[in-house]
Protein backbone atom coordinates (compact mmCIF):
# COMPACT_ATOMS: atom_id res chain seq x y z
CA MET A 1 162.22 -295.67 12.19
CA ASN A 2 165.04 -293.38 13.43
CA ILE A 3 164.22 -290.87 10.72
CA VAL A 4 160.62 -290.68 11.87
CA VAL A 5 161.81 -290.03 15.39
CA LEU A 6 164.29 -287.29 14.32
CA LEU A 7 161.86 -285.43 12.10
CA PRO A 8 159.94 -283.68 14.98
CA VAL A 9 163.16 -282.90 16.67
CA ILE A 10 164.56 -281.21 13.56
CA ALA A 11 161.23 -279.38 13.02
CA CYS A 12 161.41 -277.95 16.73
CA LEU A 13 165.02 -276.93 16.16
CA PHE A 14 164.29 -274.84 12.98
CA GLY A 15 161.13 -273.56 14.43
CA GLY A 16 162.90 -272.43 17.63
CA THR A 17 165.76 -270.86 15.49
CA ALA A 18 163.38 -268.94 13.36
CA ALA A 19 161.38 -267.73 16.41
CA PHE A 20 164.59 -266.62 18.20
CA LYS A 21 165.76 -264.67 15.04
CA TRP A 22 162.31 -263.04 14.85
CA GLN A 23 162.43 -261.94 18.54
CA THR A 24 165.90 -260.81 18.06
CA VAL A 25 165.04 -258.52 15.28
CA ALA A 26 161.79 -257.31 16.97
CA THR A 27 163.65 -256.54 20.21
CA ARG A 28 166.45 -254.67 18.51
CA ARG A 29 163.88 -252.59 16.60
CA GLY A 30 162.13 -251.83 19.92
CA ILE A 31 165.33 -250.50 21.65
CA PRO A 32 164.97 -246.71 21.63
CA GLU A 33 167.44 -244.62 19.99
CA PRO A 34 168.68 -241.54 21.93
CA VAL A 35 166.65 -238.44 21.11
CA ALA A 36 168.25 -236.10 23.30
CA PRO A 37 171.74 -235.92 24.96
CA PRO A 38 172.16 -236.98 28.62
CA PRO A 39 172.54 -234.41 31.28
CA ARG A 40 175.83 -232.61 31.39
CA GLY A 41 178.36 -234.78 32.97
CA ASP A 42 181.30 -232.28 33.35
CA VAL A 43 180.95 -231.34 37.12
CA GLY A 44 183.19 -230.23 39.98
CA TYR A 45 182.66 -231.37 43.54
CA GLY A 46 184.22 -230.19 46.75
CA PRO A 47 185.67 -226.90 48.08
CA ARG A 48 188.22 -224.91 45.84
CA THR A 49 191.65 -224.93 47.40
CA SER A 50 195.15 -224.29 46.30
CA ARG A 51 195.75 -227.97 45.77
CA ASP A 52 195.13 -229.20 42.17
CA PRO A 53 191.84 -231.02 41.96
CA PHE A 54 191.51 -234.77 41.53
CA SER A 55 190.71 -235.52 37.80
CA LEU A 56 188.09 -238.10 36.93
CA VAL A 57 187.01 -239.20 33.45
CA LEU A 58 184.05 -241.52 32.61
CA LEU A 59 184.38 -243.53 29.34
CA GLY A 60 182.11 -245.95 27.49
CA ASP A 61 178.47 -246.03 26.42
CA SER A 62 175.17 -244.51 27.46
CA PHE A 63 175.51 -246.26 30.90
CA ALA A 64 178.67 -244.14 31.61
CA ALA A 65 176.96 -241.09 30.17
CA GLY A 66 173.99 -241.28 32.39
CA TYR A 67 171.51 -241.52 29.72
CA GLY A 68 168.08 -241.77 31.40
CA ALA A 69 168.97 -239.33 34.32
CA HIS A 70 167.25 -235.98 34.44
CA ARG A 71 169.86 -233.83 36.21
CA SER A 72 173.45 -233.57 36.24
CA ARG A 73 173.77 -234.49 39.91
CA GLU A 74 172.13 -237.87 38.93
CA THR A 75 174.74 -238.90 36.54
CA PRO A 76 177.40 -241.48 37.46
CA ALA A 77 180.15 -238.80 37.05
CA ALA A 78 178.54 -236.53 39.75
CA LEU A 79 177.90 -239.37 42.11
CA LEU A 80 181.29 -240.81 41.82
CA ALA A 81 182.76 -237.28 42.25
CA ALA A 82 180.98 -236.73 45.28
CA GLY A 83 182.10 -240.02 46.91
CA ILE A 84 185.61 -239.51 46.05
CA SER A 85 185.71 -235.86 47.24
CA ARG A 86 184.40 -236.95 50.57
CA ARG A 87 187.07 -239.67 51.00
CA LEU A 88 189.95 -237.62 49.71
CA ARG A 89 188.77 -234.38 51.29
CA ARG A 90 189.81 -232.74 47.93
CA ARG A 91 187.98 -231.12 45.08
CA VAL A 92 187.25 -233.48 42.13
CA THR A 93 186.53 -232.51 38.61
CA ALA A 94 184.69 -235.06 36.61
CA HIS A 95 184.52 -235.19 32.69
CA THR A 96 182.20 -237.41 30.91
CA LEU A 97 183.57 -238.57 27.59
CA ALA A 98 181.29 -241.39 27.25
CA VAL A 99 178.88 -241.58 24.24
CA PRO A 100 175.51 -243.11 24.14
CA GLY A 101 175.52 -246.19 21.67
CA ALA A 102 179.33 -246.56 21.81
CA GLU A 103 180.84 -249.89 21.53
CA THR A 104 184.34 -251.21 22.57
CA PRO A 105 185.86 -250.23 19.09
CA ASP A 106 184.90 -246.60 19.88
CA LEU A 107 186.99 -246.47 23.06
CA PRO A 108 190.26 -245.26 21.30
CA TYR A 109 188.82 -242.11 20.47
CA GLN A 110 187.54 -241.59 23.98
CA VAL A 111 190.92 -242.47 25.50
CA ASP A 112 192.69 -240.08 23.07
CA ARG A 113 190.43 -237.15 24.58
CA ALA A 114 190.98 -238.52 28.15
CA LEU A 115 194.71 -238.62 28.00
CA CYS A 116 194.76 -234.87 27.05
CA LEU A 117 193.19 -234.20 30.39
CA ALA A 118 195.85 -236.11 32.28
CA PRO A 119 193.36 -237.95 34.62
CA ASP A 120 194.03 -239.61 37.88
CA LEU A 121 191.30 -242.04 37.58
CA ALA A 122 189.23 -243.44 34.66
CA VAL A 123 186.12 -245.34 35.13
CA ILE A 124 184.79 -247.37 32.11
CA TYR A 125 181.42 -248.94 31.59
CA ILE A 126 181.34 -250.70 28.35
CA GLY A 127 179.98 -253.93 26.78
CA GLY A 128 176.07 -253.67 26.65
CA ASN A 129 175.99 -252.48 22.99
CA ASP A 130 178.46 -255.22 22.05
CA VAL A 131 176.03 -257.76 23.16
CA THR A 132 172.98 -256.21 21.48
CA MET A 133 174.94 -256.06 18.31
CA LEU A 134 175.80 -259.70 18.50
CA ALA A 135 179.40 -258.76 17.73
CA GLY A 136 182.49 -261.09 18.13
CA GLN A 137 183.91 -260.71 21.60
CA ARG A 138 187.51 -261.69 21.27
CA LYS A 139 188.76 -258.78 19.31
CA ARG A 140 186.67 -256.41 21.41
CA VAL A 141 188.01 -257.72 24.64
CA ARG A 142 191.51 -257.39 23.48
CA GLN A 143 190.76 -253.82 22.29
CA LEU A 144 189.53 -253.02 25.92
CA GLY A 145 192.89 -254.42 27.26
CA ILE A 146 194.91 -252.20 24.91
CA GLU A 147 192.98 -248.97 25.94
CA VAL A 148 193.30 -249.98 29.73
CA ARG A 149 197.14 -250.37 29.06
CA ARG A 150 197.31 -246.85 27.29
CA LEU A 151 195.73 -245.38 30.37
CA ARG A 152 197.81 -247.17 32.89
CA ALA A 153 200.86 -246.19 30.97
CA ALA A 154 200.04 -242.51 31.46
CA GLY A 155 199.81 -243.06 35.21
CA CYS A 156 196.00 -243.32 35.38
CA THR A 157 194.23 -245.82 37.74
CA VAL A 158 191.51 -247.65 35.75
CA VAL A 159 188.35 -249.14 37.13
CA VAL A 160 186.11 -251.05 34.63
CA GLY A 161 182.43 -251.87 35.39
CA THR A 162 182.07 -255.04 33.25
CA CYS A 163 179.10 -255.81 31.03
CA PRO A 164 175.82 -255.79 32.84
CA ASP A 165 173.46 -258.72 32.62
CA LEU A 166 171.05 -257.80 29.79
CA GLY A 167 168.83 -260.80 30.44
CA VAL A 168 167.22 -258.60 33.17
CA LEU A 169 166.08 -255.99 30.68
CA PRO A 170 162.16 -255.93 30.70
CA PRO A 171 161.83 -255.95 26.74
CA PHE A 172 163.88 -259.25 26.57
CA ARG A 173 161.83 -262.34 26.97
CA PRO A 174 162.81 -266.02 26.88
CA PRO A 175 164.54 -267.39 24.89
CA LEU A 176 166.10 -264.11 24.16
CA SER A 177 166.57 -263.32 27.70
CA TRP A 178 168.50 -266.56 28.20
CA VAL A 179 171.02 -265.85 25.35
CA ALA A 180 171.42 -262.22 26.41
CA ARG A 181 172.28 -263.48 29.99
CA PHE A 182 174.86 -266.04 28.55
CA LEU A 183 176.41 -263.60 26.22
CA SER A 184 176.57 -260.86 28.79
CA ARG A 185 178.16 -262.89 31.43
CA ARG A 186 180.52 -264.56 29.03
CA LEU A 187 181.74 -261.06 27.86
CA ALA A 188 182.03 -259.81 31.55
CA ALA A 189 184.23 -262.84 32.49
CA ALA A 190 186.47 -262.08 29.48
CA GLN A 191 186.62 -258.39 30.28
CA THR A 192 187.55 -259.27 33.97
CA ILE A 193 190.56 -261.32 32.84
CA GLU A 194 191.74 -258.87 30.32
CA VAL A 195 191.50 -255.82 32.43
CA ALA A 196 193.37 -257.64 35.27
CA ARG A 197 196.14 -258.53 32.91
CA ALA A 198 196.29 -254.93 31.69
CA GLY A 199 196.68 -253.70 35.17
CA GLY A 200 193.28 -252.31 35.93
CA PHE A 201 190.44 -253.23 38.27
CA THR A 202 186.95 -254.44 37.63
CA VAL A 203 183.47 -254.45 39.21
CA SER A 204 181.09 -257.24 38.39
CA LEU A 205 178.02 -255.23 37.50
CA ALA A 206 176.06 -258.37 36.54
CA SER A 207 176.55 -260.02 39.97
CA LEU A 208 176.05 -256.98 42.09
CA LEU A 209 173.15 -255.18 40.29
CA ASN A 210 171.10 -258.12 39.06
CA PRO A 211 169.21 -258.61 42.40
CA TYR A 212 168.13 -254.96 42.75
CA PHE A 213 167.07 -254.60 39.00
CA ALA A 214 165.26 -258.01 38.98
CA ALA A 215 163.37 -257.21 42.10
CA ASP A 216 162.09 -253.67 41.27
CA PRO A 217 162.30 -252.99 37.45
CA GLU A 218 159.83 -250.17 37.69
CA ARG A 219 162.25 -248.00 39.89
CA MET A 220 165.53 -249.18 38.47
CA PHE A 221 164.86 -248.72 34.84
CA GLY A 222 163.84 -245.48 33.07
CA HIS A 223 160.73 -244.80 30.98
CA ASP A 224 162.28 -246.59 27.98
CA ARG A 225 162.74 -249.87 30.03
CA PHE A 226 166.16 -250.26 28.61
CA HIS A 227 168.44 -247.62 30.39
CA PRO A 228 168.68 -247.10 34.20
CA SER A 229 166.62 -244.57 36.04
CA ALA A 230 168.30 -242.04 38.53
CA GLU A 231 167.71 -244.84 41.22
CA GLY A 232 169.38 -247.37 38.91
CA TYR A 233 172.36 -245.15 38.45
CA ALA A 234 172.63 -244.46 42.16
CA ARG A 235 172.65 -248.21 42.79
CA ALA A 236 175.26 -248.89 40.18
CA VAL A 237 177.56 -246.06 41.68
CA ALA A 238 176.93 -247.65 45.09
CA VAL A 239 178.47 -250.94 43.88
CA THR A 240 181.31 -249.22 41.95
CA LEU A 241 182.47 -246.80 44.72
CA PRO A 242 183.89 -249.35 47.08
CA THR A 243 186.36 -250.64 44.48
CA VAL A 244 187.18 -247.04 43.44
CA LEU A 245 187.88 -245.95 47.15
CA ALA A 246 189.93 -249.26 47.67
CA VAL A 247 192.35 -248.57 44.78
CA LEU A 248 192.81 -244.65 45.36
CA PRO A 249 195.98 -243.58 47.11
CA ALA A 250 195.45 -242.39 50.74
CA GLY A 251 195.73 -238.61 50.94
CA PRO A 252 197.11 -236.56 53.72
CA GLY A 253 193.64 -235.80 54.92
CA SER A 254 192.34 -239.42 54.99
CA ARG A 255 189.84 -240.22 57.46
CA PRO A 256 191.12 -242.13 60.77
CA ARG A 257 189.42 -245.36 61.82
CA ARG A 258 189.25 -247.28 65.06
CA GLY A 259 191.45 -250.20 65.45
CA SER A 260 193.64 -251.76 68.19
CA GLY A 261 191.99 -249.73 70.86
CA ARG A 262 193.19 -246.36 69.29
CA TRP A 263 192.58 -244.13 66.35
CA LYS A 264 194.90 -244.79 63.39
CA ARG A 265 195.29 -243.17 60.09
CA ARG A 266 193.70 -244.98 57.37
CA ARG A 267 196.01 -246.24 54.92
CA THR A 268 195.28 -247.85 51.46
CA ARG A 269 197.92 -250.41 50.62
CA PRO A 270 198.85 -250.55 47.03
CA PRO A 271 197.59 -253.71 45.32
CA ALA A 272 199.91 -256.66 45.07
CA GLY A 273 198.80 -257.50 41.59
CA PRO A 274 196.46 -256.42 38.88
CA ALA A 275 193.92 -259.00 39.91
CA THR A 276 193.89 -258.35 43.60
CA ARG A 277 190.30 -258.10 44.96
CA CYS A 278 188.96 -256.62 41.96
CA THR A 279 185.47 -256.78 43.59
CA PRO A 280 185.86 -256.14 47.30
CA ILE A 281 182.17 -256.81 48.11
CA SER A 282 182.45 -260.36 46.89
CA SER A 283 185.99 -260.65 48.30
CA ALA A 284 187.06 -262.61 44.97
CA ASP A 285 190.33 -262.43 43.15
CA VAL A 286 190.49 -263.35 39.43
CA VAL A 287 193.19 -265.74 38.40
CA PRO A 288 193.85 -265.54 34.54
CA PRO A 289 193.16 -268.81 33.02
CA THR A 290 194.88 -270.63 30.36
CA PRO A 291 194.47 -269.21 26.68
CA SER A 292 192.16 -272.07 25.77
CA ARG A 293 189.75 -271.11 28.57
CA PHE A 294 189.80 -267.33 27.64
CA CYS A 295 186.26 -266.74 27.06
CA SER A 296 184.68 -269.77 28.61
CA ALA A 297 185.28 -269.47 32.27
CA ALA A 298 187.15 -267.68 35.01
CA THR A 299 188.74 -269.23 38.05
CA MET A 300 187.66 -267.53 41.17
CA ARG A 301 189.53 -267.52 44.47
CA PRO A 302 187.27 -266.66 47.45
CA ALA A 303 188.63 -265.21 50.69
CA ASP A 304 188.77 -268.59 52.28
CA GLY A 305 191.42 -269.70 49.66
CA LYS A 306 189.54 -272.63 48.15
CA ALA A 307 189.32 -272.11 44.34
CA ARG A 308 186.19 -272.67 42.54
CA THR A 309 185.23 -272.18 38.84
CA ASP A 310 182.36 -269.82 38.18
CA SER A 311 181.33 -270.05 34.39
CA ALA A 312 179.83 -266.76 33.30
């Protein structure tokens, strides 16, 4: 009697597994291959002065390279350079070393090139291709931490945009979108912990971008429905820039702000630790968990001081 009851369940499991594998293969074949390079990402923004320009490098995959944008001024490098230049009142030179299709194991080559430029700030967007290739996450997360430590040892501030939620991509349908969401958020949580341990800062792209991309995919995604459009990149930079500006040192020309009834010079305090307010918008600090919980969950500490567990 028990065998008769279990047979339909086993058949459903095998059928669901076969359907999932077929959908995965079909969707991966539908992911467009880059046919043309993204717009030039090496830009300079701000007036030329006798002071050395602020050096910015972008590392990672097609998201960092701006694949899907049509003009150089629409790329993440140009948008970040404009925001940083206005804040520091200083010329910013941005170099895009990211390569479309890159995965985490490709970062060492990009970091080698970046160190030759002696950058002041490195912004890394990586992880999407690691999910689509269904690669193991532990080794890749450790590799990301190694590269962040190399940049930090050279005196470079590092901000990492963690893996975006691929479950929101239009080509992904259930159950594939559910699996993609789970894998993306699990990788993002592991990246957050590892980057914090390495002395970098993180921006949770999955949490901050999902509402916009899910609400208006026609505008936020490009023609291939896989890479962001110009509006999508502008939104991604909009959620990244607050963290970037928060970790930058205050220059001599920093803008004043009103406080205590008089104007005061804005000062950016150095972070007390590598995991201090990695995402200023959500006011959350990441506390590294025990090794046994490395890839399963991250303990988040909101501004009210009450700890909660947010499984990615």
